[in-house]
N, C-alpha and C. Protein backbone atom coordinates (compact mmCIF):
# COMPACT_ATOMS: atom_id res chain seq x y z
N MET A 1 56.32 92.33 91.98
CA MET A 1 55.72 93.49 90.96
C MET A 1 56.55 93.90 89.99
N ASN A 2 55.92 94.09 88.92
CA ASN A 2 57.20 94.50 87.83
C ASN A 2 57.00 95.84 87.42
N ILE A 3 57.78 96.58 87.65
CA ILE A 3 57.71 98.24 87.21
C ILE A 3 58.58 98.38 86.19
N ARG A 4 58.12 98.96 85.15
CA ARG A 4 58.77 99.41 83.96
C ARG A 4 58.90 100.51 84.10
N PHE A 5 60.07 101.00 83.71
CA PHE A 5 60.82 102.17 83.93
C PHE A 5 60.70 102.72 82.24
N SER A 6 60.12 104.25 81.76
CA SER A 6 60.57 104.42 80.43
C SER A 6 61.74 104.73 80.04
N LYS A 7 62.13 104.71 78.58
CA LYS A 7 63.55 104.79 78.27
C LYS A 7 63.79 106.03 78.33
N ARG A 8 65.25 106.33 78.51
CA ARG A 8 65.64 107.60 78.33
C ARG A 8 65.81 107.99 77.23
N SER A 9 65.59 109.14 76.62
CA SER A 9 65.92 109.75 75.56
C SER A 9 67.24 109.66 75.06
N GLN A 10 68.05 109.21 74.19
CA GLN A 10 69.26 109.56 73.96
C GLN A 10 69.78 110.41 72.68
N LYS A 11 70.08 111.50 73.33
CA LYS A 11 70.52 112.70 72.22
C LYS A 11 71.73 112.35 71.64
N LEU A 12 71.97 112.69 70.30
CA LEU A 12 73.33 112.45 69.78
C LEU A 12 74.03 113.45 70.12
N PRO A 13 75.37 113.14 70.65
CA PRO A 13 76.42 114.18 71.19
C PRO A 13 76.67 115.30 70.12
N ILE A 14 77.35 116.43 71.09
CA ILE A 14 77.64 117.21 69.60
C ILE A 14 78.89 117.02 69.48
N VAL A 15 79.24 116.87 67.97
CA VAL A 15 80.55 116.49 67.77
C VAL A 15 81.29 117.61 66.66
N LEU A 16 82.52 118.11 67.17
CA LEU A 16 83.06 119.25 66.31
C LEU A 16 83.66 118.33 65.28
N SER A 17 84.03 118.85 64.12
CA SER A 17 84.75 118.43 63.26
C SER A 17 86.13 118.69 63.14
N ARG A 18 87.08 118.36 62.56
CA ARG A 18 88.49 118.34 62.64
C ARG A 18 88.75 119.37 62.21
N ALA A 19 88.24 120.28 61.26
CA ALA A 19 88.51 121.46 61.12
C ALA A 19 88.02 122.38 62.38
N GLU A 20 86.96 122.45 62.87
CA GLU A 20 86.40 123.15 63.62
C GLU A 20 87.68 122.91 64.95
N ILE A 21 87.75 121.93 65.29
CA ILE A 21 88.61 121.49 66.39
C ILE A 21 89.88 122.15 66.49
N ARG A 22 90.76 122.19 65.00
CA ARG A 22 91.90 122.84 64.58
C ARG A 22 91.71 124.71 65.00
N GLN A 23 90.40 125.15 64.16
CA GLN A 23 90.29 126.51 64.71
C GLN A 23 90.35 126.93 66.23
N ILE A 24 89.33 126.13 66.64
CA ILE A 24 89.63 126.17 67.83
C ILE A 24 90.85 126.49 68.66
N ILE A 25 91.50 125.39 68.76
CA ILE A 25 92.79 125.41 69.38
C ILE A 25 93.73 126.37 68.62
N ASN A 26 93.73 126.69 67.44
CA ASN A 26 94.96 127.55 66.78
C ASN A 26 94.74 129.09 67.26
N LEU A 27 93.49 129.23 67.88
CA LEU A 27 92.80 130.63 68.50
C LEU A 27 93.08 131.21 69.58
N ILE A 28 93.89 129.73 70.48
CA ILE A 28 93.95 130.14 71.96
C ILE A 28 95.49 130.65 72.06
N SER A 29 95.61 132.06 72.58
CA SER A 29 97.04 132.67 72.42
C SER A 29 97.95 131.90 73.59
N ASN A 30 96.94 131.70 74.77
CA ASN A 30 97.68 131.61 76.39
C ASN A 30 98.05 129.81 75.84
N GLN A 31 99.20 129.58 75.63
CA GLN A 31 99.84 128.66 75.61
C GLN A 31 99.28 126.89 76.48
N LYS A 32 99.74 127.39 77.37
CA LYS A 32 99.07 126.60 78.48
C LYS A 32 97.53 125.83 78.09
N HIS A 33 96.84 127.02 77.91
CA HIS A 33 95.24 126.81 77.29
C HIS A 33 95.19 125.78 76.32
N LYS A 34 96.17 126.25 75.47
CA LYS A 34 96.02 125.52 74.16
C LYS A 34 96.45 124.09 74.28
N ILE A 35 97.64 123.84 75.33
CA ILE A 35 97.70 122.67 75.16
C ILE A 35 96.64 121.77 76.12
N ILE A 36 95.79 122.31 77.06
CA ILE A 36 94.87 121.46 77.69
C ILE A 36 93.69 121.30 76.78
N ILE A 37 93.67 121.80 75.89
CA ILE A 37 92.57 121.64 74.97
C ILE A 37 92.61 120.85 73.99
N ALA A 38 94.13 121.19 73.72
CA ALA A 38 94.44 119.91 72.57
C ALA A 38 94.76 118.56 73.43
N LEU A 39 95.37 118.37 74.44
CA LEU A 39 95.48 117.07 74.90
C LEU A 39 94.32 116.41 75.51
N SER A 40 93.24 117.33 75.92
CA SER A 40 91.67 116.48 76.43
C SER A 40 91.26 116.28 74.86
N TYR A 41 91.14 117.03 73.67
CA TYR A 41 90.63 116.18 72.29
C TYR A 41 91.50 115.08 71.98
N GLY A 42 92.88 115.33 71.95
CA GLY A 42 94.01 114.47 71.67
C GLY A 42 93.81 112.92 72.28
N ALA A 43 93.32 113.14 73.49
CA ALA A 43 93.35 111.91 74.43
C ALA A 43 92.16 111.37 74.85
N GLY A 44 90.95 112.13 74.57
CA GLY A 44 89.76 111.71 74.94
C GLY A 44 89.48 111.94 76.26
N LEU A 45 90.23 113.13 77.11
CA LEU A 45 90.12 113.35 78.34
C LEU A 45 88.58 113.90 78.89
N ARG A 46 88.37 113.34 80.09
CA ARG A 46 86.88 114.21 80.55
C ARG A 46 87.39 115.65 81.49
N ILE A 47 86.86 116.41 81.50
CA ILE A 47 87.30 117.90 82.13
C ILE A 47 87.84 117.38 83.69
N SER A 48 87.51 116.49 84.42
CA SER A 48 88.10 115.97 85.65
C SER A 48 89.45 115.19 85.76
N GLU A 49 89.49 114.79 84.23
CA GLU A 49 90.68 114.19 83.99
C GLU A 49 91.79 115.04 83.80
N ALA A 50 91.86 115.73 82.75
CA ALA A 50 92.13 117.09 82.67
C ALA A 50 92.82 117.75 83.81
N GLN A 51 91.74 118.11 84.64
CA GLN A 51 92.15 118.81 85.94
C GLN A 51 93.12 117.55 86.45
N ASN A 52 92.88 116.71 86.81
CA ASN A 52 93.53 115.81 88.03
C ASN A 52 95.13 115.20 87.40
N LEU A 53 95.18 115.39 86.28
CA LEU A 53 95.90 114.80 85.51
C LEU A 53 97.76 115.41 86.10
N LYS A 54 98.38 114.12 86.34
CA LYS A 54 99.80 114.53 87.06
C LYS A 54 100.66 114.00 86.44
N VAL A 55 102.29 114.52 87.02
CA VAL A 55 103.22 114.20 85.78
C VAL A 55 103.30 112.74 85.86
N ARG A 56 103.15 112.07 86.88
CA ARG A 56 103.64 110.63 86.68
C ARG A 56 102.46 109.54 86.27
N ASP A 57 101.62 110.34 85.52
CA ASP A 57 100.73 109.60 84.79
C ASP A 57 100.77 109.44 82.96
N ILE A 58 101.74 110.30 83.10
CA ILE A 58 102.14 110.59 81.29
C ILE A 58 103.45 109.44 81.31
N ASN A 59 103.31 108.32 80.05
CA ASN A 59 104.27 107.80 79.76
C ASN A 59 104.96 108.20 78.27
N PHE A 60 106.09 109.32 78.39
CA PHE A 60 106.39 109.63 77.36
C PHE A 60 107.03 108.55 76.06
N SER A 61 107.52 107.78 76.57
CA SER A 61 108.32 106.41 76.00
C SER A 61 107.38 106.05 75.22
N GLU A 62 106.13 105.87 75.56
CA GLU A 62 104.91 104.57 75.18
C GLU A 62 103.91 105.36 74.54
N LEU A 63 104.55 106.95 75.03
CA LEU A 63 102.83 107.69 74.37
C LEU A 63 101.55 107.34 75.05
N THR A 64 101.38 107.17 76.34
CA THR A 64 100.32 106.72 76.76
C THR A 64 100.05 107.73 78.15
N ILE A 65 98.93 107.60 78.82
CA ILE A 65 98.36 108.49 79.84
C ILE A 65 97.48 107.61 80.74
N HIS A 66 98.16 107.10 82.07
CA HIS A 66 97.38 106.36 83.09
C HIS A 66 96.73 107.07 83.83
N LEU A 67 95.37 106.97 83.39
CA LEU A 67 94.20 107.57 84.24
C LEU A 67 93.84 106.96 85.46
N LYS A 68 93.98 107.60 86.43
CA LYS A 68 93.94 106.72 87.82
C LYS A 68 92.43 107.21 88.39
N GLU A 69 91.75 106.30 88.77
CA GLU A 69 90.09 106.57 89.37
C GLU A 69 89.47 107.51 88.75
N THR A 70 89.07 107.27 87.81
CA THR A 70 88.29 108.05 86.83
C THR A 70 86.99 107.84 87.32
N LYS A 71 85.91 108.23 86.16
CA LYS A 71 84.75 107.91 86.46
C LYS A 71 84.26 106.51 87.17
N GLY A 72 83.46 106.15 87.96
CA GLY A 72 83.50 104.91 88.17
C GLY A 72 84.61 104.40 89.06
N GLY A 73 85.50 105.15 89.42
CA GLY A 73 86.70 104.58 90.43
C GLY A 73 87.55 103.70 89.35
N LYS A 74 87.37 103.78 88.24
CA LYS A 74 88.57 102.78 87.42
C LYS A 74 89.28 103.40 86.90
N ASP A 75 90.55 102.51 86.42
CA ASP A 75 91.69 103.06 85.98
C ASP A 75 91.69 102.86 84.41
N ARG A 76 92.20 103.52 83.63
CA ARG A 76 92.20 103.24 81.92
C ARG A 76 93.50 104.16 81.68
N ILE A 77 93.72 103.40 80.52
CA ILE A 77 94.97 103.83 79.40
C ILE A 77 94.29 104.46 78.23
N THR A 78 95.13 105.39 78.22
CA THR A 78 94.73 106.35 76.83
C THR A 78 96.02 106.50 75.92
N VAL A 79 95.85 107.23 75.41
CA VAL A 79 97.08 107.64 74.01
C VAL A 79 97.32 109.09 74.47
N LEU A 80 98.82 109.01 74.31
CA LEU A 80 99.38 110.48 74.34
C LEU A 80 99.51 110.97 73.01
N PRO A 81 98.99 112.03 72.64
CA PRO A 81 99.19 112.38 70.85
C PRO A 81 100.84 113.04 70.95
N GLN A 82 101.41 112.14 69.66
CA GLN A 82 102.87 112.37 69.42
C GLN A 82 103.03 113.79 69.23
N LYS A 83 102.27 114.60 68.89
CA LYS A 83 102.46 116.07 68.40
C LYS A 83 102.66 117.17 69.60
N LEU A 84 102.10 116.46 70.63
CA LEU A 84 101.96 117.23 72.31
C LEU A 84 103.15 116.28 72.74
N LYS A 85 103.72 115.58 72.44
CA LYS A 85 105.13 114.99 73.12
C LYS A 85 106.02 115.87 73.80
N ASN A 86 106.41 116.47 72.95
CA ASN A 86 107.34 117.47 73.12
C ASN A 86 107.34 118.62 74.09
N ILE A 87 106.23 119.20 73.80
CA ILE A 87 105.97 120.43 74.37
C ILE A 87 105.30 119.90 75.95
N LEU A 88 104.66 118.83 76.35
CA LEU A 88 104.26 118.45 77.57
C LEU A 88 105.52 118.05 78.27
N HIS A 89 106.85 117.74 77.59
CA HIS A 89 107.59 117.15 78.40
C HIS A 89 108.49 118.28 78.84
N LYS A 90 108.38 119.51 77.87
CA LYS A 90 109.26 120.52 78.50
C LYS A 90 108.50 121.40 79.70
N ILE A 91 107.13 121.26 79.95
CA ILE A 91 106.33 121.92 80.71
C ILE A 91 106.38 120.60 82.21
N THR A 92 106.65 119.54 82.04
CA THR A 92 106.65 118.81 83.01
C THR A 92 108.27 118.44 83.63
N VAL A 93 109.21 118.56 82.65
CA VAL A 93 110.72 117.93 83.12
C VAL A 93 110.92 118.49 84.40
N LEU A 94 110.52 119.92 84.81
CA LEU A 94 111.41 120.32 86.08
C LEU A 94 109.87 120.15 87.29
N LYS A 95 109.15 119.63 87.01
CA LYS A 95 108.19 119.35 87.92
C LYS A 95 108.23 118.05 88.80
N ASN A 96 107.88 117.86 90.11
CA ASN A 96 107.53 116.55 90.85
C ASN A 96 106.53 115.37 90.11
N ALA A 97 106.84 114.29 90.13
CA ALA A 97 106.01 113.38 89.89
C ALA A 97 104.60 113.51 90.27
N ASN A 98 104.31 113.94 91.55
CA ASN A 98 103.16 113.94 92.28
C ASN A 98 102.27 115.52 91.86
N ASP A 99 102.88 116.53 90.85
CA ASP A 99 102.51 117.91 90.68
C ASP A 99 101.43 117.34 89.56
N PHE A 100 100.55 118.59 89.46
CA PHE A 100 99.48 118.48 88.51
C PHE A 100 100.26 119.19 87.15
N VAL A 101 99.76 118.29 85.94
CA VAL A 101 100.61 118.89 84.40
C VAL A 101 100.12 120.37 84.57
N PHE A 102 98.62 120.65 84.86
CA PHE A 102 98.04 121.81 84.45
C PHE A 102 97.84 122.44 85.92
N GLU A 103 98.69 123.40 86.65
CA GLU A 103 98.52 123.89 87.88
C GLU A 103 97.65 125.46 87.69
N SER A 104 97.17 125.96 88.45
CA SER A 104 96.37 127.27 88.52
C SER A 104 97.38 127.97 88.94
N GLU A 105 97.09 129.38 88.87
CA GLU A 105 98.24 130.55 89.37
C GLU A 105 98.84 130.54 90.83
N ARG A 106 98.14 130.33 91.36
CA ARG A 106 97.89 130.15 93.22
C ARG A 106 98.60 128.58 93.40
N GLY A 107 98.75 127.65 92.56
CA GLY A 107 99.26 126.29 92.65
C GLY A 107 98.07 125.37 92.88
N GLY A 108 97.92 124.44 92.99
CA GLY A 108 97.19 123.17 92.81
C GLY A 108 96.52 123.11 91.68
N LYS A 109 95.46 122.48 91.63
CA LYS A 109 94.70 122.11 90.23
C LYS A 109 93.59 123.13 89.35
N LEU A 110 93.79 123.28 88.23
CA LEU A 110 92.67 124.31 87.68
C LEU A 110 91.27 123.99 88.24
N SER A 111 90.26 125.11 88.26
CA SER A 111 88.90 124.45 88.49
C SER A 111 88.39 123.91 87.51
N THR A 112 87.23 123.55 87.73
CA THR A 112 86.47 122.95 86.58
C THR A 112 85.88 124.04 85.59
N ARG A 113 85.31 125.12 86.66
CA ARG A 113 85.00 126.17 85.95
C ARG A 113 85.88 127.17 85.06
N THR A 114 87.35 126.86 85.71
CA THR A 114 88.39 127.19 84.74
C THR A 114 88.31 126.85 83.56
N LEU A 115 88.34 125.71 83.15
CA LEU A 115 88.31 125.03 81.99
C LEU A 115 87.48 124.93 81.50
N GLN A 116 86.20 125.23 81.66
CA GLN A 116 85.00 125.58 80.88
C GLN A 116 85.17 126.35 80.23
N LYS A 117 85.66 128.03 80.79
CA LYS A 117 85.60 129.19 80.56
C LYS A 117 86.88 129.27 79.49
N ILE A 118 87.83 128.46 79.50
CA ILE A 118 88.71 128.34 78.53
C ILE A 118 88.17 128.02 77.25
N PHE A 119 87.55 126.84 76.99
CA PHE A 119 86.85 126.15 76.13
C PHE A 119 85.81 127.18 75.48
N GLU A 120 84.88 127.80 76.49
CA GLU A 120 83.93 128.60 75.96
C GLU A 120 84.11 130.16 75.20
N ASN A 121 85.84 130.24 75.97
CA ASN A 121 85.75 131.40 75.15
C ASN A 121 86.78 131.39 73.83
N ALA A 122 87.34 129.99 73.91
CA ALA A 122 88.20 129.78 72.27
C ALA A 122 86.78 129.27 71.46
N LEU A 123 85.57 128.82 71.75
CA LEU A 123 84.68 128.45 71.17
C LEU A 123 84.41 129.60 70.44
N LEU A 124 83.93 130.62 71.53
CA LEU A 124 83.29 131.96 71.15
C LEU A 124 84.12 132.68 69.94
N LYS A 125 85.54 132.45 70.15
CA LYS A 125 86.50 133.17 69.43
C LYS A 125 86.60 132.57 67.84
N SER A 126 86.22 131.57 67.95
CA SER A 126 86.29 130.66 66.84
C SER A 126 85.32 130.81 65.76
N GLY A 127 83.99 131.18 66.46
CA GLY A 127 83.06 131.36 65.57
C GLY A 127 82.52 130.33 65.25
N VAL A 128 82.69 129.01 65.79
CA VAL A 128 81.84 127.91 65.70
C VAL A 128 80.78 128.47 66.08
N LYS A 129 79.35 127.91 65.28
CA LYS A 129 78.27 128.03 66.06
C LYS A 129 77.72 127.05 67.14
N LYS A 130 78.40 125.62 66.80
CA LYS A 130 77.66 124.31 67.53
C LYS A 130 77.45 125.06 69.22
N PRO A 131 76.72 123.94 69.68
CA PRO A 131 76.18 124.42 71.05
C PRO A 131 77.50 123.44 72.02
N ALA A 132 78.47 123.53 71.46
CA ALA A 132 79.35 122.50 72.14
C ALA A 132 79.92 122.85 73.48
N THR A 133 80.37 121.90 74.19
CA THR A 133 81.16 122.09 75.60
C THR A 133 82.53 121.43 75.72
N PHE A 134 83.17 121.71 76.90
CA PHE A 134 84.16 120.88 77.11
C PHE A 134 84.01 119.25 76.77
N HIS A 135 82.97 118.90 77.08
CA HIS A 135 82.99 117.47 76.76
C HIS A 135 83.09 116.88 75.47
N SER A 136 82.47 118.13 74.71
CA SER A 136 82.33 117.41 73.15
C SER A 136 83.76 117.34 72.50
N LEU A 137 84.83 117.50 73.26
CA LEU A 137 86.22 117.33 72.56
C LEU A 137 86.37 116.01 72.75
N ARG A 138 85.53 115.01 74.06
CA ARG A 138 85.85 113.78 74.14
C ARG A 138 84.94 113.25 73.01
N HIS A 139 83.62 113.77 72.79
CA HIS A 139 82.66 113.34 71.60
C HIS A 139 83.38 113.27 70.72
N SER A 140 84.54 114.40 70.31
CA SER A 140 84.93 114.24 68.57
C SER A 140 85.99 113.54 68.65
N PHE A 141 86.75 113.35 69.80
CA PHE A 141 87.89 112.18 69.76
C PHE A 141 87.40 110.96 69.66
N ALA A 142 86.46 110.33 70.16
CA ALA A 142 85.38 109.19 69.65
C ALA A 142 85.43 108.97 68.13
N THR A 143 84.62 110.20 67.78
CA THR A 143 83.66 110.05 66.48
C THR A 143 84.65 110.07 65.40
N HIS A 144 86.00 110.78 65.82
CA HIS A 144 86.90 110.73 64.70
C HIS A 144 87.94 109.55 64.91
N LEU A 145 88.24 109.00 65.93
CA LEU A 145 88.72 107.47 65.98
C LEU A 145 87.92 106.68 65.15
N LEU A 146 86.66 106.65 65.21
CA LEU A 146 85.71 106.10 64.44
C LEU A 146 85.92 106.07 62.86
N GLU A 147 85.57 107.35 62.84
CA GLU A 147 85.42 107.80 60.92
C GLU A 147 87.13 107.22 60.81
N ASN A 148 88.11 107.00 61.58
CA ASN A 148 89.50 106.66 60.97
C ASN A 148 89.56 105.01 60.83
N GLY A 149 88.35 104.27 61.12
CA GLY A 149 88.56 102.95 61.01
C GLY A 149 88.64 102.36 62.21
N ILE A 150 89.08 103.19 63.57
CA ILE A 150 89.52 102.37 64.84
C ILE A 150 88.26 101.25 65.25
N ASP A 151 88.84 99.94 65.67
CA ASP A 151 87.14 99.48 66.05
C ASP A 151 86.51 99.83 67.00
N VAL A 152 85.29 99.90 67.33
CA VAL A 152 84.68 100.25 68.60
C VAL A 152 85.16 99.59 69.54
N ARG A 153 85.38 98.53 69.82
CA ARG A 153 86.16 97.84 70.95
C ARG A 153 87.48 98.93 71.87
N TYR A 154 88.28 98.52 70.38
CA TYR A 154 89.27 99.89 71.12
C TYR A 154 88.97 101.54 71.65
N VAL A 155 88.13 102.00 71.04
CA VAL A 155 87.56 103.06 71.29
C VAL A 155 86.85 103.17 72.59
N GLN A 156 86.07 101.79 72.57
CA GLN A 156 85.48 101.68 74.24
C GLN A 156 86.58 101.21 75.40
N GLU A 157 87.62 100.93 75.09
CA GLU A 157 88.76 101.00 76.49
C GLU A 157 89.49 102.21 76.42
N LEU A 158 89.61 102.90 75.09
CA LEU A 158 90.16 104.05 75.59
C LEU A 158 89.28 105.05 76.23
N LEU A 159 88.04 105.09 76.11
CA LEU A 159 87.34 106.16 76.69
C LEU A 159 86.78 105.58 78.31
N GLY A 160 87.24 104.18 78.37
CA GLY A 160 86.58 103.73 79.87
C GLY A 160 85.42 103.66 79.94
N HIS A 161 84.69 103.04 78.76
CA HIS A 161 83.12 102.75 79.08
C HIS A 161 83.05 101.29 79.18
N ALA A 162 81.91 101.04 80.05
CA ALA A 162 81.90 99.91 80.88
C ALA A 162 81.17 99.12 80.06
N ASN A 163 80.15 99.58 79.45
CA ASN A 163 79.10 98.71 78.32
C ASN A 163 79.58 99.79 76.92
N ILE A 164 79.72 98.70 75.82
CA ILE A 164 79.58 98.76 74.48
C ILE A 164 78.54 99.68 73.92
N ARG A 165 77.59 99.68 74.65
CA ARG A 165 76.00 100.18 73.88
C ARG A 165 76.87 102.28 73.92
N THR A 166 77.29 102.23 75.16
CA THR A 166 77.81 103.62 75.37
C THR A 166 78.50 104.39 74.22
N THR A 167 79.54 103.55 73.85
CA THR A 167 80.46 103.74 72.64
C THR A 167 79.86 103.78 71.40
N GLN A 168 78.80 102.88 71.09
CA GLN A 168 78.28 102.58 70.01
C GLN A 168 77.38 103.65 69.55
N ILE A 169 77.07 104.62 70.60
CA ILE A 169 76.26 105.49 70.02
C ILE A 169 77.23 106.64 69.19
N TYR A 170 78.21 106.49 69.26
CA TYR A 170 79.46 107.46 68.44
C TYR A 170 79.20 106.90 66.75
N THR A 171 79.04 105.67 66.77
CA THR A 171 78.62 105.41 65.35
C THR A 171 77.25 105.75 64.97
N HIS A 172 76.25 106.37 65.47
CA HIS A 172 75.30 106.79 64.93
C HIS A 172 75.93 108.22 64.25
N VAL A 173 76.45 108.79 65.34
CA VAL A 173 77.07 110.22 64.57
C VAL A 173 77.85 109.87 63.58
N THR A 174 78.82 108.83 63.42
CA THR A 174 79.79 109.03 62.32
C THR A 174 79.22 107.91 61.32
N ASN A 175 78.07 107.69 60.94
CA ASN A 175 77.66 106.50 59.77
C ASN A 175 77.96 107.21 58.40
N PRO A 176 78.81 106.84 57.77
CA PRO A 176 78.93 107.57 56.67
C PRO A 176 77.83 107.13 55.33
N ASN A 177 77.23 105.84 56.09
CA ASN A 177 76.43 105.37 54.76
C ASN A 177 75.00 106.41 55.04
N LEU A 178 74.91 106.68 55.98
CA LEU A 178 73.54 107.82 56.30
C LEU A 178 73.87 109.06 55.76
N LYS A 179 75.19 109.64 55.91
CA LYS A 179 75.32 110.75 55.27
C LYS A 179 75.48 111.17 53.77
N ASN A 180 75.34 109.48 53.18
CA ASN A 180 75.40 109.78 51.73
C ASN A 180 74.04 109.48 51.08
N ILE A 181 73.35 109.54 51.71
CA ILE A 181 71.79 108.92 51.50
C ILE A 181 71.25 110.01 51.05
N LYS A 182 70.43 110.36 49.56
CA LYS A 182 69.83 111.55 49.36
C LYS A 182 68.60 111.51 49.09
N SER A 183 68.07 112.47 49.59
CA SER A 183 66.51 112.40 49.81
C SER A 183 65.58 112.01 48.52
N PRO A 184 64.48 111.48 48.33
CA PRO A 184 63.89 111.27 46.82
C PRO A 184 63.41 112.56 46.74
N LEU A 185 63.13 113.47 47.55
CA LEU A 185 62.27 114.65 46.60
C LEU A 185 63.10 115.39 45.79
């Protein structure tokens, strides 16, 4: 028996420009919230990875973050933005290695809904009209790396994609040749 499945339509991801990212981050007044959003963009974190990030996962000397048992149960290494090194070190220096970097008011990790609300409120305040979500920070991270000339295989590794085709979706968003084509009309 030969069963054929229909192809799933592939929508292009919602990507925020660098200016939109700056605008969103700069309008967040709560310091912890600002750092969460900045780090999620700057390291390409999924919402669950931002939630579950522990002090021991950050290597300040190598500017890396070791994400353990992420989607698919895999570990991966991503970049720690130099710009966030000092502020993250300040907020983690008095914590234990097993503590969450970003804790809720009552202790423990932040809820998914809390992180979504932080982003939604910042997006609303910024005036950016794109239908972006927390995950758009990760899409933007990947797209901006490709725009900077980083090889798609390195981006694949940073994102933890098993299949290169998943990462190549971002090449469609960032293709400068397509953006420079003028309509013949």
